[in-house]
């Protein structure tokens, strides 16, 4: 067991701690020379200029809307699949997993042929005398691409939470006179909250940091935080500024990961106080 622990420790240091240290180093250094560190906060102060703050806010809004759409679509889908027979249920989950085997870039490219002015969607609605609809190079296209690519990350954790739920609790609620709606609101939904939290985290974090979807489906009309970071490393060569933006994004992601824990802690504290008072 100790050998396996050392392997995981080595893996964590090399692929998590060391890259984070390098990002932090570049974000706080006035130059990119590892042997000549010159402390500065200019990279962070530059990021908080109105232009970059606006890009960050736009990225958060689009990622949040995409996450909400994934939740609205994903929860009913996961709930319906969890109620199916084992064989059908496994096949339905496989349908969600199979597209994930394909390259992310290719999956996003496919939407260019669907959403374009001469794409399949506009060709279809043209038969009814409608269109062409402006579906490309705007926020709608970006959200469609995000929802399509990240929806499985919402469905799978919710499905797992629903599947592991103790069915005796549902039966007990019905025996006590609860109708289907009350059973869902008071039993099923609360018990599936861990899956919802996990799904929201797994969708929001890649959605806020993605740059492929905005590049392909947003065109030059939308410049998100992921595109800004990518350009600093691949085009302008400003590693310090790119690292500072990455650190801000990492802090935002960590806060998102901590929010469910803080929320659960507050609920436990409130219940404990309520139990003590009673």
Protein backbone atom coordinates (compact mmCIF):
# COMPACT_ATOMS: atom_id res chain seq x y z
CA UNK A 1 0.00 0.00 0.00
CA UNK A 2 2.88 2.37 0.81
CA UNK A 3 4.35 1.83 -2.66
CA UNK A 4 1.03 2.79 -4.29
CA UNK A 5 0.78 5.83 -2.01
CA UNK A 6 4.26 6.96 -3.07
CA UNK A 7 3.30 6.55 -6.73
CA UNK A 8 0.19 8.73 -6.27
CA UNK A 9 2.24 11.26 -4.30
CA UNK A 10 4.85 11.42 -7.05
CA UNK A 11 2.11 11.74 -9.69
CA UNK A 12 0.44 14.56 -7.75
CA UNK A 13 3.68 16.48 -7.29
CA UNK A 14 4.78 16.18 -10.92
CA UNK A 15 1.44 16.80 -12.63
CA UNK A 16 -0.42 19.02 -10.13
CA UNK A 17 1.85 20.79 -7.63
CA UNK A 18 4.76 21.53 -9.99
CA UNK A 19 2.58 22.98 -12.83
CA UNK A 20 0.68 25.13 -10.32
CA UNK A 21 3.98 26.37 -8.88
CA UNK A 22 5.22 27.30 -12.36
CA UNK A 23 1.99 29.19 -13.10
CA UNK A 24 2.26 31.03 -9.77
CA UNK A 25 5.94 31.80 -10.43
CA UNK A 26 5.27 33.31 -13.85
CA UNK A 27 2.26 35.27 -12.57
CA UNK A 28 4.37 36.95 -9.85
CA UNK A 29 7.54 37.44 -11.86
CA UNK A 30 8.48 40.39 -14.06
CA UNK A 31 10.35 38.04 -16.42
CA UNK A 32 10.12 34.42 -17.53
CA UNK A 33 13.63 33.44 -16.41
CA UNK A 34 13.36 30.79 -13.69
CA UNK A 35 16.81 31.69 -12.34
CA UNK A 36 16.07 35.42 -12.06
CA UNK A 37 12.85 35.96 -10.13
CA UNK A 38 11.69 39.57 -9.89
CA UNK A 39 8.56 39.96 -7.78
CA UNK A 40 5.71 42.02 -9.25
CA UNK A 41 1.93 42.30 -9.06
CA UNK A 42 1.64 44.12 -12.38
CA UNK A 43 0.27 41.05 -14.13
CA UNK A 44 -2.64 40.83 -11.69
CA UNK A 45 -3.31 44.58 -11.64
CA UNK A 46 -3.38 44.55 -15.45
CA UNK A 47 -6.03 41.82 -15.44
CA UNK A 48 -8.40 43.97 -13.39
CA UNK A 49 -8.64 46.56 -16.13
CA UNK A 50 -12.27 47.07 -17.32
CA UNK A 51 -11.73 45.23 -20.63
CA UNK A 52 -10.49 42.00 -19.03
CA UNK A 53 -13.03 42.15 -16.19
CA UNK A 54 -15.77 42.39 -18.83
CA UNK A 55 -14.36 39.28 -20.57
CA UNK A 56 -14.34 37.44 -17.23
CA UNK A 57 -17.94 38.43 -16.47
CA UNK A 58 -19.07 37.37 -19.97
CA UNK A 59 -17.33 34.03 -19.51
CA UNK A 60 -18.96 33.45 -16.10
CA UNK A 61 -22.42 34.37 -17.44
CA UNK A 62 -22.19 32.08 -20.49
CA UNK A 63 -20.76 29.22 -18.40
CA UNK A 64 -23.50 29.68 -15.77
CA UNK A 65 -26.28 29.74 -18.40
CA UNK A 66 -24.84 26.63 -20.07
CA UNK A 67 -24.66 24.90 -16.67
CA UNK A 68 -28.29 25.80 -15.92
CA UNK A 69 -29.39 24.47 -19.32
CA UNK A 70 -27.43 21.25 -18.73
CA UNK A 71 -29.16 20.88 -15.35
CA UNK A 72 -32.64 21.57 -16.78
CA UNK A 73 -32.08 19.01 -19.55
CA UNK A 74 -29.88 16.59 -17.65
CA UNK A 75 -31.90 16.02 -14.47
CA UNK A 76 -35.11 14.81 -16.20
CA UNK A 77 -33.04 12.67 -18.56
CA UNK A 78 -31.10 11.10 -15.68
CA UNK A 79 -34.33 10.57 -13.72
CA UNK A 80 -36.11 8.90 -16.64
CA UNK A 81 -33.13 6.65 -17.40
CA UNK A 82 -32.82 5.61 -13.74
CA UNK A 83 -36.43 4.37 -13.86
CA UNK A 84 -35.84 2.11 -16.88
CA UNK A 85 -35.06 -1.59 -16.85
CA UNK A 86 -31.42 -2.57 -16.43
CA UNK A 87 -30.72 -3.49 -20.08
CA UNK A 88 -32.45 -0.42 -21.51
CA UNK A 89 -30.88 1.78 -18.85
CA UNK A 90 -27.35 0.64 -19.69
CA UNK A 91 -27.93 1.20 -23.41
CA UNK A 92 -29.25 4.72 -22.80
CA UNK A 93 -26.24 5.65 -20.68
CA UNK A 94 -24.01 4.23 -23.40
CA UNK A 95 -25.62 6.66 -25.85
CA UNK A 96 -24.37 9.54 -23.68
CA UNK A 97 -20.91 8.04 -23.26
CA UNK A 98 -20.19 7.13 -26.92
CA UNK A 99 -19.88 10.75 -28.17
CA UNK A 100 -17.27 11.36 -25.44
CA UNK A 101 -15.03 8.80 -27.15
CA UNK A 102 -14.75 11.17 -30.11
CA UNK A 103 -12.25 14.01 -30.10
CA UNK A 104 -13.62 17.20 -28.48
CA UNK A 105 -12.52 19.30 -31.46
CA UNK A 106 -14.27 17.05 -33.97
CA UNK A 107 -17.49 17.08 -31.95
CA UNK A 108 -17.46 20.87 -31.96
CA UNK A 109 -16.59 21.05 -35.66
CA UNK A 110 -19.72 18.99 -36.42
CA UNK A 111 -21.88 21.90 -35.24
CA UNK A 112 -20.47 24.12 -37.99
CA UNK A 113 -22.30 21.99 -40.55
CA UNK A 114 -25.47 22.08 -38.46
CA UNK A 115 -25.68 25.74 -37.44
CA UNK A 116 -24.34 27.55 -40.51
CA UNK A 117 -26.55 29.65 -42.80
CA UNK A 118 -26.44 26.75 -45.26
CA UNK A 119 -26.31 24.13 -42.53
CA UNK A 120 -28.67 21.23 -42.03
CA UNK A 121 -30.91 23.09 -39.55
CA UNK A 122 -31.47 26.07 -41.87
CA UNK A 123 -31.97 23.76 -44.85
CA UNK A 124 -34.61 21.85 -42.89
CA UNK A 125 -36.58 24.92 -41.76
CA UNK A 126 -36.35 26.35 -45.30
CA UNK A 127 -38.81 23.63 -46.39
CA UNK A 128 -41.39 25.33 -44.14
CA UNK A 129 -40.67 28.80 -45.54
CA UNK A 130 -38.66 29.85 -42.48
CA UNK A 131 -35.17 31.15 -41.97
CA UNK A 132 -32.38 31.38 -42.47
CA UNK A 133 -31.82 31.73 -38.73
CA UNK A 134 -28.65 33.37 -37.46
CA UNK A 135 -27.30 30.48 -35.42
CA UNK A 136 -23.55 30.91 -35.87
CA UNK A 137 -20.93 33.19 -34.33
CA UNK A 138 -23.02 34.37 -31.39
CA UNK A 139 -23.73 33.47 -27.76
CA UNK A 140 -26.46 31.00 -28.79
CA UNK A 141 -23.97 28.94 -30.80
CA UNK A 142 -21.46 28.94 -27.92
CA UNK A 143 -24.09 27.77 -25.43
CA UNK A 144 -25.31 25.05 -27.81
CA UNK A 145 -21.73 23.81 -28.18
CA UNK A 146 -21.14 23.89 -24.43
CA UNK A 147 -24.40 22.14 -23.58
CA UNK A 148 -23.76 19.43 -26.18
CA UNK A 149 -20.18 18.78 -25.07
CA UNK A 150 -20.72 18.98 -21.31
CA UNK A 151 -24.24 17.52 -20.89
CA UNK A 152 -22.91 13.99 -20.16
CA UNK A 153 -20.97 15.41 -17.20
CA UNK A 154 -24.28 16.54 -15.73
CA UNK A 155 -26.30 13.42 -16.54
CA UNK A 156 -23.86 10.80 -15.26
CA UNK A 157 -23.38 12.01 -11.65
CA UNK A 158 -27.11 12.70 -11.21
CA UNK A 159 -27.93 9.30 -12.69
CA UNK A 160 -25.45 7.64 -10.31
CA UNK A 161 -26.94 9.45 -7.30
CA UNK A 162 -30.48 8.46 -8.30
CA UNK A 163 -29.45 4.87 -8.91
CA UNK A 164 -27.75 4.51 -5.50
CA UNK A 165 -30.73 5.98 -3.70
CA UNK A 166 -32.34 3.75 -1.09
CA UNK A 167 -35.69 2.80 -2.63
CA UNK A 168 -37.06 1.91 0.80
CA UNK A 169 -37.18 5.61 1.66
CA UNK A 170 -39.47 6.24 -1.32
CA UNK A 171 -41.70 3.33 -0.31
CA UNK A 172 -41.82 4.61 3.27
CA UNK A 173 -42.81 8.10 2.09
CA UNK A 174 -45.65 6.65 -0.01
CA UNK A 175 -46.81 4.49 2.89
CA UNK A 176 -47.05 7.65 5.01
CA UNK A 177 -49.41 9.18 2.46
CA UNK A 178 -47.10 11.28 0.29
CA UNK A 179 -48.10 11.66 -3.36
CA UNK A 180 -45.63 11.43 -6.26
CA UNK A 181 -44.84 15.16 -6.24
CA UNK A 182 -44.22 15.22 -2.49
CA UNK A 183 -42.02 12.12 -2.75
CA UNK A 184 -39.93 13.81 -5.43
CA UNK A 185 -39.60 17.14 -3.62
CA UNK A 186 -39.04 15.81 -0.09
CA UNK A 187 -37.16 12.56 -0.75
CA UNK A 188 -35.75 12.11 -4.26
CA UNK A 189 -34.53 15.67 -4.89
CA UNK A 190 -32.71 16.09 -1.53
CA UNK A 191 -31.05 12.70 -1.88
CA UNK A 192 -29.88 13.55 -5.40
CA UNK A 193 -28.30 16.88 -4.37
CA UNK A 194 -24.75 15.42 -4.20
CA UNK A 195 -25.10 14.35 -7.84
CA UNK A 196 -26.41 17.80 -8.76
CA UNK A 197 -23.48 19.51 -7.01
CA UNK A 198 -21.01 17.23 -8.77
CA UNK A 199 -22.70 17.78 -12.14
CA UNK A 200 -22.70 21.57 -11.74
CA UNK A 201 -19.01 21.53 -10.85
CA UNK A 202 -18.07 19.21 -13.72
CA UNK A 203 -19.95 21.36 -16.24
CA UNK A 204 -19.20 24.88 -15.01
CA UNK A 205 -15.43 24.48 -14.61
CA UNK A 206 -14.68 23.28 -18.19
CA UNK A 207 -17.33 25.66 -19.57
CA UNK A 208 -15.71 28.76 -18.06
CA UNK A 209 -12.21 27.75 -19.20
CA UNK A 210 -12.93 26.38 -22.68
CA UNK A 211 -11.47 28.12 -25.71
CA UNK A 212 -12.25 25.63 -28.50
CA UNK A 213 -16.02 26.21 -28.49
CA UNK A 214 -15.81 30.05 -28.56
CA UNK A 215 -13.10 29.89 -31.24
CA UNK A 216 -15.14 27.71 -33.58
CA UNK A 217 -18.73 28.70 -32.85
CA UNK A 218 -18.30 32.23 -31.52
CA UNK A 219 -15.98 33.55 -34.20
CA UNK A 220 -14.54 36.98 -33.46
CA UNK A 221 -17.73 38.19 -31.79
CA UNK A 222 -17.06 36.53 -28.42
CA UNK A 223 -13.72 36.50 -26.66
CA UNK A 224 -13.89 34.49 -23.46
CA UNK A 225 -11.40 34.02 -20.65
CA UNK A 226 -10.16 30.72 -22.09
CA UNK A 227 -9.37 32.42 -25.41
CA UNK A 228 -7.55 35.21 -23.55
CA UNK A 229 -5.32 32.72 -21.71
CA UNK A 230 -4.64 30.72 -24.87
CA UNK A 231 -3.57 33.84 -26.82
CA UNK A 232 -1.08 34.87 -24.11
CA UNK A 233 0.77 31.55 -24.41
CA UNK A 234 0.44 30.83 -28.15
CA UNK A 235 0.35 34.26 -29.82
CA UNK A 236 1.60 37.18 -27.71
CA UNK A 237 4.07 35.16 -25.62
CA UNK A 238 3.17 37.04 -22.44
CA UNK A 239 3.47 34.14 -20.01
CA UNK A 240 3.28 36.36 -16.94
CA UNK A 241 -0.08 37.85 -17.86
CA UNK A 242 -1.40 34.49 -19.04
CA UNK A 243 -0.33 32.88 -15.76
CA UNK A 244 -1.99 35.66 -13.74
CA UNK A 245 -5.28 35.12 -15.57
CA UNK A 246 -4.93 31.37 -15.00
CA UNK A 247 -4.40 31.92 -11.27
CA UNK A 248 -7.53 34.07 -11.06
CA UNK A 249 -9.45 31.34 -12.88
CA UNK A 250 -8.04 28.66 -10.56
CA UNK A 251 -9.18 30.68 -7.51
CA UNK A 252 -12.68 30.97 -8.99
CA UNK A 253 -12.76 27.22 -9.62
CA UNK A 254 -11.61 26.45 -6.06
CA UNK A 255 -14.35 28.69 -4.66
CA UNK A 256 -16.91 26.82 -6.76
CA UNK A 257 -15.60 23.50 -5.42
CA UNK A 258 -15.78 24.77 -1.82
CA UNK A 259 -19.30 26.26 -2.04
CA UNK A 260 -21.16 22.91 -1.72
CA UNK A 261 -19.06 21.99 1.32
CA UNK A 262 -19.75 25.33 2.98
CA UNK A 263 -23.45 24.98 2.16
CA UNK A 264 -23.60 21.47 3.65
CA UNK A 265 -21.71 22.67 6.74
CA UNK A 266 -24.22 25.48 7.30
CA UNK A 267 -27.11 23.03 6.98
CA UNK A 268 -25.52 20.63 9.49
CA UNK A 269 -24.82 23.50 11.90
CA UNK A 270 -28.41 24.76 11.61
CA UNK A 271 -29.79 21.25 12.15
CA UNK A 272 -27.52 20.74 15.15
CA UNK A 273 -28.64 24.05 16.69
CA UNK A 274 -32.26 23.22 15.97
CA UNK A 275 -31.84 19.79 17.49
CA UNK A 276 -30.20 21.26 20.57
CA UNK A 277 -32.97 23.81 21.04
CA UNK A 278 -35.65 21.18 20.71
